[in-house]
N, C-alpha and C. Protein backbone atom coordinates (compact mmCIF):
# COMPACT_ATOMS: atom_id res chain seq x y z
N MET A 1 91.38 106.72 84.87
CA MET A 1 91.41 106.68 86.02
C MET A 1 91.88 105.29 86.60
N THR A 2 92.05 103.50 86.22
CA THR A 2 92.43 102.94 86.33
C THR A 2 93.54 102.33 85.28
N ASP A 3 94.65 101.58 85.60
CA ASP A 3 95.46 100.63 84.88
C ASP A 3 95.05 99.33 84.06
N GLY A 4 94.78 99.12 82.32
CA GLY A 4 94.03 98.34 82.25
C GLY A 4 94.65 97.07 82.79
N LEU A 5 96.13 96.73 82.21
CA LEU A 5 96.22 95.77 83.37
C LEU A 5 95.72 95.42 84.55
N THR A 6 96.00 95.54 85.61
CA THR A 6 96.10 95.98 86.82
C THR A 6 94.35 95.94 87.74
N GLY A 7 94.23 97.38 87.44
CA GLY A 7 92.64 97.32 87.69
C GLY A 7 93.41 98.76 88.76
N VAL A 8 94.46 98.44 88.93
CA VAL A 8 94.48 100.17 89.82
C VAL A 8 94.35 101.09 89.70
N ILE A 9 94.89 102.26 90.33
CA ILE A 9 94.44 103.73 90.15
C ILE A 9 95.88 104.20 88.83
N ASN A 10 95.94 104.66 88.16
CA ASN A 10 96.69 104.91 87.17
C ASN A 10 97.85 106.34 87.87
N ARG A 11 98.97 106.64 87.11
CA ARG A 11 100.08 107.51 87.55
C ARG A 11 99.28 108.98 87.82
N LEU A 12 98.42 109.25 87.09
CA LEU A 12 97.88 109.90 86.61
C LEU A 12 96.65 110.45 87.43
N ASN A 13 96.14 109.50 87.82
CA ASN A 13 95.05 109.55 88.79
C ASN A 13 95.64 109.56 90.15
N PHE A 14 96.89 108.96 90.52
CA PHE A 14 97.91 109.28 91.79
C PHE A 14 97.49 110.33 92.50
N GLU A 15 99.15 110.70 91.07
CA GLU A 15 99.23 112.18 91.48
C GLU A 15 98.18 112.85 91.58
N SER A 16 97.27 113.35 91.34
CA SER A 16 96.13 114.21 91.61
C SER A 16 95.43 113.63 92.70
N ILE A 17 94.88 112.52 93.71
CA ILE A 17 95.08 112.12 94.41
C ILE A 17 96.02 112.66 95.91
N PHE A 18 97.32 111.92 95.63
CA PHE A 18 98.57 112.60 96.39
C PHE A 18 98.34 113.96 96.88
N LYS A 19 97.78 114.72 95.70
CA LYS A 19 98.45 116.76 95.89
C LYS A 19 96.49 116.15 97.15
N ASN A 20 95.98 116.30 97.03
CA ASN A 20 94.56 116.06 97.97
C ASN A 20 94.96 115.92 99.36
N GLU A 21 95.46 114.88 99.30
CA GLU A 21 95.48 113.66 100.43
C GLU A 21 96.53 114.91 101.32
N TRP A 22 97.83 114.91 100.48
CA TRP A 22 98.97 116.00 100.66
C TRP A 22 98.83 116.71 101.37
N TYR A 23 97.59 117.98 100.33
CA TYR A 23 97.17 119.02 101.42
C TYR A 23 95.57 119.05 102.41
N SER A 24 94.79 117.68 102.74
CA SER A 24 94.42 117.27 103.48
C SER A 24 94.59 117.35 104.65
N CYS A 25 96.08 116.62 104.58
CA CYS A 25 96.38 116.07 105.47
C CYS A 25 96.92 117.29 106.21
N LYS A 26 97.53 118.23 105.56
CA LYS A 26 98.63 119.22 106.05
C LYS A 26 97.50 119.95 106.96
N ARG A 27 96.17 120.05 106.49
CA ARG A 27 95.10 120.59 106.81
C ARG A 27 94.28 120.79 108.17
N GLN A 28 94.71 119.14 108.30
CA GLN A 28 94.46 118.12 109.70
C GLN A 28 95.68 117.80 110.42
N SER A 29 96.91 118.90 110.25
CA SER A 29 97.59 118.30 110.99
C SER A 29 98.38 116.03 111.10
N GLU A 30 97.78 115.53 110.13
CA GLU A 30 97.99 114.43 110.05
C GLU A 30 99.34 114.21 109.52
N PRO A 31 99.49 112.57 109.76
CA PRO A 31 100.40 111.73 109.43
C PRO A 31 100.27 110.87 107.64
N LEU A 32 101.36 111.48 107.55
CA LEU A 32 100.57 110.41 105.39
C LEU A 32 101.50 109.64 105.21
N SER A 33 101.48 108.43 104.90
CA SER A 33 103.06 107.82 104.67
C SER A 33 103.09 107.27 103.19
N LEU A 34 103.86 107.06 102.48
CA LEU A 34 103.69 106.05 101.02
C LEU A 34 104.69 105.65 101.20
N ILE A 35 103.97 103.93 100.27
CA ILE A 35 104.85 102.72 100.13
C ILE A 35 105.11 103.17 98.48
N MET A 36 106.92 102.72 97.93
CA MET A 36 107.53 103.15 96.68
C MET A 36 107.96 101.35 96.48
N VAL A 37 106.81 100.69 95.17
CA VAL A 37 107.20 99.57 95.38
C VAL A 37 108.01 99.13 94.21
N ASP A 38 109.28 97.55 93.70
CA ASP A 38 109.44 97.62 92.36
C ASP A 38 109.59 96.07 92.76
N ILE A 39 109.50 95.59 91.80
CA ILE A 39 109.74 93.93 91.48
C ILE A 39 110.94 94.25 91.31
N ASP A 40 111.58 92.67 92.27
CA ASP A 40 112.94 92.55 92.14
C ASP A 40 113.44 91.80 90.81
N PHE A 41 114.32 92.20 90.25
CA PHE A 41 114.68 91.69 88.94
C PHE A 41 113.58 91.35 87.57
N PHE A 42 112.93 92.72 87.61
CA PHE A 42 111.56 91.83 86.07
C PHE A 42 112.05 92.39 84.80
N LYS A 43 112.92 92.89 84.77
CA LYS A 43 113.26 92.70 83.39
C LYS A 43 113.75 90.88 83.08
N GLN A 44 115.02 90.70 84.02
CA GLN A 44 115.02 89.56 84.18
C GLN A 44 114.25 88.91 84.33
N TYR A 45 112.51 88.54 84.73
CA TYR A 45 111.97 87.53 84.45
C TYR A 45 111.44 87.87 83.19
N ASN A 46 110.78 89.04 82.86
CA ASN A 46 110.41 89.34 81.67
C ASN A 46 110.76 88.43 80.34
N ASP A 47 113.04 88.67 80.60
CA ASP A 47 113.19 87.29 79.54
C ASP A 47 112.78 86.11 79.43
N ASN A 48 112.64 85.97 80.81
CA ASN A 48 113.11 84.53 81.36
C ASN A 48 111.70 83.30 80.43
N TYR A 49 110.70 84.45 81.75
CA TYR A 49 109.28 84.11 81.09
C TYR A 49 108.40 84.68 80.13
N GLY A 50 109.24 85.37 79.26
CA GLY A 50 108.15 86.01 78.59
C GLY A 50 106.53 87.37 78.86
N HIS A 51 106.09 87.79 78.25
CA HIS A 51 105.34 89.19 78.36
C HIS A 51 104.14 88.54 78.90
N GLN A 52 103.93 87.60 78.52
CA GLN A 52 101.97 87.49 78.78
C GLN A 52 102.08 86.89 80.58
N THR A 53 103.64 86.37 80.85
CA THR A 53 103.53 86.19 82.06
C THR A 53 104.39 86.58 83.07
N GLY A 54 105.17 88.06 82.53
CA GLY A 54 105.37 89.18 83.02
C GLY A 54 104.09 89.53 83.57
N ASP A 55 103.16 89.90 82.72
CA ASP A 55 101.96 90.54 82.46
C ASP A 55 101.14 90.04 83.93
N ARG A 56 101.08 88.74 83.58
CA ARG A 56 100.69 88.32 85.04
C ARG A 56 101.07 88.43 86.29
N CYS A 57 102.91 87.78 86.49
CA CYS A 57 103.15 88.64 87.75
C CYS A 57 103.32 90.32 88.35
N ILE A 58 102.92 91.29 87.09
CA ILE A 58 102.52 92.23 87.85
C ILE A 58 100.91 92.79 88.32
N GLN A 59 100.34 91.94 87.48
CA GLN A 59 98.98 91.90 87.87
C GLN A 59 99.35 90.96 89.89
N LEU A 60 99.72 90.35 89.86
CA LEU A 60 100.36 89.75 91.00
C LEU A 60 100.40 90.48 92.80
N VAL A 61 101.36 90.95 92.11
CA VAL A 61 102.15 92.08 93.19
C VAL A 61 100.81 93.32 93.20
N ALA A 62 100.26 93.87 92.18
CA ALA A 62 98.68 94.29 92.62
C ALA A 62 98.58 94.10 93.38
N ASP A 63 97.25 92.45 93.27
CA ASP A 63 96.92 92.09 93.72
C ASP A 63 97.04 92.08 95.65
N VAL A 64 97.85 90.81 95.28
CA VAL A 64 98.63 91.78 96.64
C VAL A 64 98.32 92.38 97.81
N LEU A 65 99.14 93.93 97.17
CA LEU A 65 99.34 95.33 97.79
C LEU A 65 97.95 95.55 98.32
N THR A 66 97.26 95.34 97.51
CA THR A 66 96.13 95.35 97.00
C THR A 66 94.47 94.98 98.72
N VAL A 67 94.86 93.57 98.28
CA VAL A 67 95.16 93.21 99.59
C VAL A 67 95.20 93.56 101.05
N TYR A 68 96.13 93.71 101.04
CA TYR A 68 96.35 94.66 102.07
C TYR A 68 96.10 95.67 102.81
N ALA A 69 96.60 96.91 101.44
CA ALA A 69 95.68 98.69 101.43
C ALA A 69 93.74 98.17 101.71
N THR A 70 93.38 98.44 102.26
CA THR A 70 92.68 97.50 103.07
C THR A 70 91.17 98.68 103.08
N ARG A 71 91.84 99.84 103.91
CA ARG A 71 90.66 101.09 104.11
C ARG A 71 90.35 102.11 102.62
N PRO A 72 88.97 102.55 102.69
CA PRO A 72 88.53 102.50 101.27
C PRO A 72 89.80 104.72 101.09
N SER A 73 90.57 104.56 102.29
CA SER A 73 91.21 106.02 101.66
C SER A 73 92.78 105.17 101.32
N ASP A 74 93.45 103.94 101.35
CA ASP A 74 94.09 103.04 101.33
C ASP A 74 94.61 103.72 99.55
N LYS A 75 95.32 103.62 99.21
CA LYS A 75 95.23 104.19 97.43
C LYS A 75 96.01 103.75 96.48
N VAL A 76 96.71 102.27 96.13
CA VAL A 76 98.29 101.12 95.15
C VAL A 76 97.47 102.13 93.72
N ALA A 77 98.55 101.95 93.07
CA ALA A 77 98.50 103.14 91.89
C ALA A 77 100.27 102.18 91.24
N ARG A 78 99.55 101.80 89.81
CA ARG A 78 100.58 101.09 88.91
C ARG A 78 101.90 102.79 88.91
N TYR A 79 103.14 102.86 89.20
CA TYR A 79 103.61 104.03 89.32
C TYR A 79 104.33 104.13 87.87
N GLY A 80 104.38 102.80 87.44
CA GLY A 80 105.34 103.22 85.91
C GLY A 80 105.66 101.20 85.75
N GLY A 81 106.06 100.81 84.82
CA GLY A 81 106.72 99.12 84.46
C GLY A 81 106.01 98.83 85.54
N ASP A 82 107.00 98.11 86.50
CA ASP A 82 106.98 97.03 87.34
C ASP A 82 106.97 97.83 89.22
N GLU A 83 106.71 99.20 88.42
CA GLU A 83 106.61 99.74 89.89
C GLU A 83 105.40 100.57 90.94
N PHE A 84 104.62 99.91 91.84
CA PHE A 84 103.89 101.00 92.19
C PHE A 84 103.87 101.68 93.15
N ALA A 85 103.28 102.43 93.63
CA ALA A 85 103.06 103.57 94.91
C ALA A 85 101.85 102.86 95.98
N VAL A 86 102.07 103.39 96.63
CA VAL A 86 101.02 103.07 98.36
C VAL A 86 100.89 104.18 98.83
N LEU A 87 99.89 105.19 98.37
CA LEU A 87 99.10 106.26 99.38
C LEU A 87 98.19 105.46 100.46
N LEU A 88 98.97 105.48 102.11
CA LEU A 88 98.38 106.03 103.11
C LEU A 88 97.93 106.66 103.90
N PRO A 89 96.59 107.97 104.29
CA PRO A 89 96.87 108.65 104.24
C PRO A 89 96.04 108.45 105.87
N HIS A 90 96.06 109.30 107.63
CA HIS A 90 96.35 109.21 108.43
C HIS A 90 96.76 107.87 109.01
N THR A 91 98.45 107.63 107.89
CA THR A 91 99.25 106.69 108.49
C THR A 91 100.14 106.41 109.50
N ASP A 92 100.92 106.73 110.61
CA ASP A 92 101.22 106.55 111.21
C ASP A 92 103.02 105.59 110.95
N LYS A 93 104.30 106.37 111.30
CA LYS A 93 105.12 105.33 110.81
C LYS A 93 104.99 103.74 110.51
N GLU A 94 104.97 103.45 111.77
CA GLU A 94 104.89 102.13 112.74
C GLU A 94 104.19 101.43 111.79
N THR A 95 103.15 101.71 111.23
CA THR A 95 102.20 101.19 111.27
C THR A 95 102.37 101.12 109.30
N ALA A 96 102.53 102.12 108.71
CA ALA A 96 103.76 102.22 107.39
C ALA A 96 104.61 101.50 107.18
N ASN A 97 105.37 100.92 108.71
CA ASN A 97 106.56 100.29 108.23
C ASN A 97 105.56 98.58 108.09
N ASN A 98 104.85 98.58 109.24
CA ASN A 98 104.72 97.20 109.12
C ASN A 98 104.06 96.27 108.14
N LEU A 99 103.10 97.46 107.95
CA LEU A 99 102.43 97.50 106.07
C LEU A 99 103.15 96.49 105.04
N ALA A 100 104.04 97.59 104.59
CA ALA A 100 105.14 97.07 103.96
C ALA A 100 105.34 95.34 104.01
N GLU A 101 106.19 95.28 105.77
CA GLU A 101 106.58 94.49 105.27
C GLU A 101 105.36 92.88 105.04
N GLN A 102 104.32 93.74 105.31
CA GLN A 102 103.16 92.46 104.96
C GLN A 102 103.08 92.22 103.43
N MET A 103 103.61 93.54 102.91
CA MET A 103 103.28 93.35 101.42
C MET A 103 104.28 92.33 101.46
N ARG A 104 105.29 92.67 101.15
CA ARG A 104 106.77 92.36 100.66
C ARG A 104 106.44 90.19 101.20
N LYS A 105 106.42 90.34 102.12
CA LYS A 105 106.78 88.05 102.44
C LYS A 105 104.58 88.21 102.23
N GLY A 106 103.84 89.19 101.65
CA GLY A 106 102.80 88.41 101.33
C GLY A 106 102.90 88.01 99.58
N VAL A 107 103.94 88.80 98.66
CA VAL A 107 104.61 88.54 97.66
C VAL A 107 105.16 87.65 97.12
N GLU A 108 106.17 87.33 98.23
CA GLU A 108 107.14 86.71 98.16
C GLU A 108 106.08 84.95 99.14
N GLU A 109 105.38 85.43 99.43
CA GLU A 109 104.61 83.51 100.17
C GLU A 109 104.08 82.96 98.61
N LYS A 110 103.57 84.01 97.68
CA LYS A 110 103.07 83.76 96.33
C LYS A 110 103.77 82.55 95.96
N ALA A 111 105.05 82.54 96.65
CA ALA A 111 106.08 81.03 95.68
C ALA A 111 105.70 81.42 93.98
N VAL A 112 106.01 82.07 93.56
CA VAL A 112 105.49 82.22 92.31
C VAL A 112 107.04 82.37 91.60
N PRO A 113 107.47 80.95 90.50
CA PRO A 113 108.87 80.87 90.49
C PRO A 113 109.88 81.74 90.06
N HIS A 114 111.15 82.75 90.15
CA HIS A 114 112.28 82.75 89.20
C HIS A 114 113.56 82.88 89.70
N LEU A 115 113.67 81.57 88.39
CA LEU A 115 115.35 81.52 88.36
C LEU A 115 115.97 81.96 87.96
N ARG A 116 116.05 83.66 87.90
CA ARG A 116 116.57 84.82 87.44
C ARG A 116 117.03 85.66 88.57
N SER A 117 116.24 85.58 89.46
CA SER A 117 116.49 86.08 90.71
C SER A 117 117.80 86.14 91.41
N SER A 118 118.93 86.96 92.30
CA SER A 118 119.79 86.01 92.49
C SER A 118 119.23 86.26 94.08
N VAL A 119 118.48 86.42 94.72
CA VAL A 119 118.13 86.59 95.55
C VAL A 119 117.22 85.72 96.67
N SER A 120 116.01 85.19 96.04
CA SER A 120 115.16 84.21 96.16
C SER A 120 114.92 83.39 94.61
N GLU A 121 114.27 82.07 95.16
CA GLU A 121 113.67 81.13 93.73
C GLU A 121 112.18 81.31 93.48
N TYR A 122 111.93 83.22 94.49
CA TYR A 122 110.50 83.23 93.92
C TYR A 122 110.80 85.00 93.34
N VAL A 123 109.69 85.32 92.97
CA VAL A 123 109.18 86.33 92.61
C VAL A 123 109.27 87.30 94.28
N THR A 124 110.11 88.48 94.45
CA THR A 124 110.38 89.10 95.54
C THR A 124 109.95 91.11 95.05
N ILE A 125 109.81 91.60 95.79
CA ILE A 125 109.53 93.05 96.13
C ILE A 125 110.41 94.18 97.25
N SER A 126 110.60 94.97 96.62
CA SER A 126 111.49 95.80 97.67
C SER A 126 110.34 97.29 97.44
N LEU A 127 110.78 98.19 98.93
CA LEU A 127 109.72 99.19 99.15
C LEU A 127 110.56 100.10 100.22
N GLY A 128 110.14 100.83 99.67
CA GLY A 128 110.62 102.28 100.24
C GLY A 128 109.79 102.88 100.99
N ILE A 129 109.80 102.96 102.16
CA ILE A 129 108.79 103.71 103.05
C ILE A 129 109.10 105.08 103.28
N ASN A 130 107.94 105.77 103.85
CA ASN A 130 107.88 106.60 104.37
C ASN A 130 106.59 107.40 104.82
N THR A 131 106.83 108.49 106.04
CA THR A 131 105.66 109.34 106.84
C THR A 131 106.20 110.29 107.09
N ILE A 132 105.80 111.33 106.81
CA ILE A 132 105.58 112.34 107.24
C ILE A 132 104.10 113.09 107.95
N ILE A 133 104.30 114.30 108.52
CA ILE A 133 103.18 115.36 108.48
C ILE A 133 103.41 116.89 108.25
N PRO A 134 102.70 116.65 106.25
CA PRO A 134 103.11 117.98 105.56
C PRO A 134 102.76 118.95 107.19
N SER A 135 103.50 119.79 106.09
CA SER A 135 103.94 121.59 106.56
C SER A 135 103.88 122.01 105.70
N ASP A 136 104.30 123.59 106.79
CA ASP A 136 104.39 124.93 105.29
C ASP A 136 105.82 124.62 105.30
N GLU A 137 106.56 123.16 106.28
CA GLU A 137 108.69 123.49 106.10
C GLU A 137 108.07 122.42 104.93
N SER A 138 107.32 121.47 105.01
CA SER A 138 107.87 120.42 103.84
C SER A 138 107.40 120.64 102.65
N SER A 139 107.56 119.70 101.46
CA SER A 139 106.82 119.55 100.30
C SER A 139 106.55 118.31 100.14
N LEU A 140 105.65 118.14 98.95
CA LEU A 140 105.36 117.06 98.25
C LEU A 140 106.40 116.46 97.65
N ASP A 141 107.40 116.75 96.79
CA ASP A 141 107.91 116.45 96.15
C ASP A 141 109.86 116.00 97.26
N ASP A 142 109.94 116.18 97.52
CA ASP A 142 110.30 116.38 98.44
C ASP A 142 110.69 115.23 99.41
N PHE A 143 109.15 114.56 99.87
CA PHE A 143 109.00 113.75 100.42
C PHE A 143 108.61 112.79 99.69
N LEU A 144 108.10 112.59 97.76
CA LEU A 144 108.22 112.08 97.10
C LEU A 144 109.75 111.29 97.02
N ARG A 145 111.02 112.82 96.51
CA ARG A 145 112.14 112.09 96.68
C ARG A 145 112.84 111.44 97.36
N ASN A 146 112.40 111.55 98.60
CA ASN A 146 112.99 110.82 99.59
C ASN A 146 112.64 109.18 99.57
N THR A 147 110.95 108.57 99.52
CA THR A 147 110.00 107.99 99.50
C THR A 147 110.87 107.13 98.50
N ASP A 148 111.39 107.63 97.01
CA ASP A 148 111.88 106.48 95.99
C ASP A 148 113.72 106.36 96.75
N LYS A 149 114.46 107.67 97.19
CA LYS A 149 115.68 107.55 97.51
C LYS A 149 115.93 105.96 99.07
N ALA A 150 114.30 105.98 99.17
CA ALA A 150 114.13 104.40 100.25
C ALA A 150 114.59 103.04 99.66
N LEU A 151 113.27 103.32 98.22
CA LEU A 151 113.73 102.61 98.21
C LEU A 151 114.57 102.39 97.00
N TYR A 152 115.42 102.98 96.73
CA TYR A 152 117.01 102.84 96.28
C TYR A 152 117.76 102.03 96.50
N ILE A 153 117.36 102.47 98.82
CA ILE A 153 118.27 101.55 98.95
C ILE A 153 117.79 100.74 99.06
N ALA A 154 116.65 99.97 99.28
CA ALA A 154 115.72 98.55 99.62
C ALA A 154 116.49 98.05 98.25
N LYS A 155 116.28 98.65 97.18
CA LYS A 155 117.08 97.63 95.85
C LYS A 155 118.50 97.39 96.00
N GLU A 156 119.47 98.19 96.57
CA GLU A 156 121.04 97.62 96.29
C GLU A 156 120.83 96.04 96.99
N LYS A 157 119.84 95.69 98.15
CA LYS A 157 120.20 93.83 98.63
C LYS A 157 118.58 93.78 97.78
N ARG A 158 117.88 93.83 97.55
CA ARG A 158 116.94 93.49 97.18
C ARG A 158 115.41 92.74 98.50
N ASN A 159 113.98 92.85 98.18
CA ASN A 159 113.52 91.67 98.92
C ASN A 159 113.61 92.45 100.13
N ARG A 160 113.64 93.43 100.87
CA ARG A 160 113.66 94.43 101.68
C ARG A 160 113.08 95.81 101.73
N SER A 161 112.51 95.97 102.83
CA SER A 161 111.39 97.59 102.64
C SER A 161 112.82 98.09 103.63
N VAL A 162 112.67 99.02 103.07
CA VAL A 162 113.77 100.50 103.98
C VAL A 162 112.83 101.51 104.03
N PHE A 163 112.79 102.33 105.24
CA PHE A 163 112.27 103.14 105.95
C PHE A 163 113.22 105.35 105.46
N ALA A 164 112.38 105.46 104.87
CA ALA A 164 113.06 107.04 104.56
C ALA A 164 113.75 107.18 105.61
N ALA A 165 115.07 107.62 105.27
CA ALA A 165 115.94 107.87 106.55
C ALA A 165 116.43 109.51 106.61
N GLN A 166 115.96 110.27 105.32
CA GLN A 166 115.86 112.05 106.10
C GLN A 166 114.06 112.16 106.28
N GLN A 167 114.59 113.26 107.02
CA GLN A 167 112.31 113.30 107.15
C GLN A 167 112.20 114.53 106.97
N ASN A 168 110.84 114.89 106.20
CA ASN A 168 111.50 116.95 106.03
C ASN A 168 110.87 117.48 107.56
């Protein structure tokens, strides 16, 4: 149910919770927001500082995300490697966008040195954000795919949050 390294929920548990929240928000016509997070230049960080320090970096990012995802329904998950997902049921676009930016700044403010980053002297994250009111015309897979596209755009320049351009 939880990731052994970070203590946040694991991907398998996340996928189950995500489906349940999707259908719950659909029934209630409530917004559902998702933030996908990736640590910038993590491979270079790991190669330079070693795997134990890399593990501590992943733990730190999970801790920061958890500090900002405070409601009982908010879920932080380790999605894979150095990637995280933050599920925010009943959260509108503006709130999700503001929260993502707080998370980004929160990681940067930890001032963890990263000599191999080309965007900052510290560890940073990139975030893709998406919000939808699930309906019969939308799909969970498209919502996830569009959120991942936003993350990909954010990672092109790094240390930024990007809201999904295509709404479902």
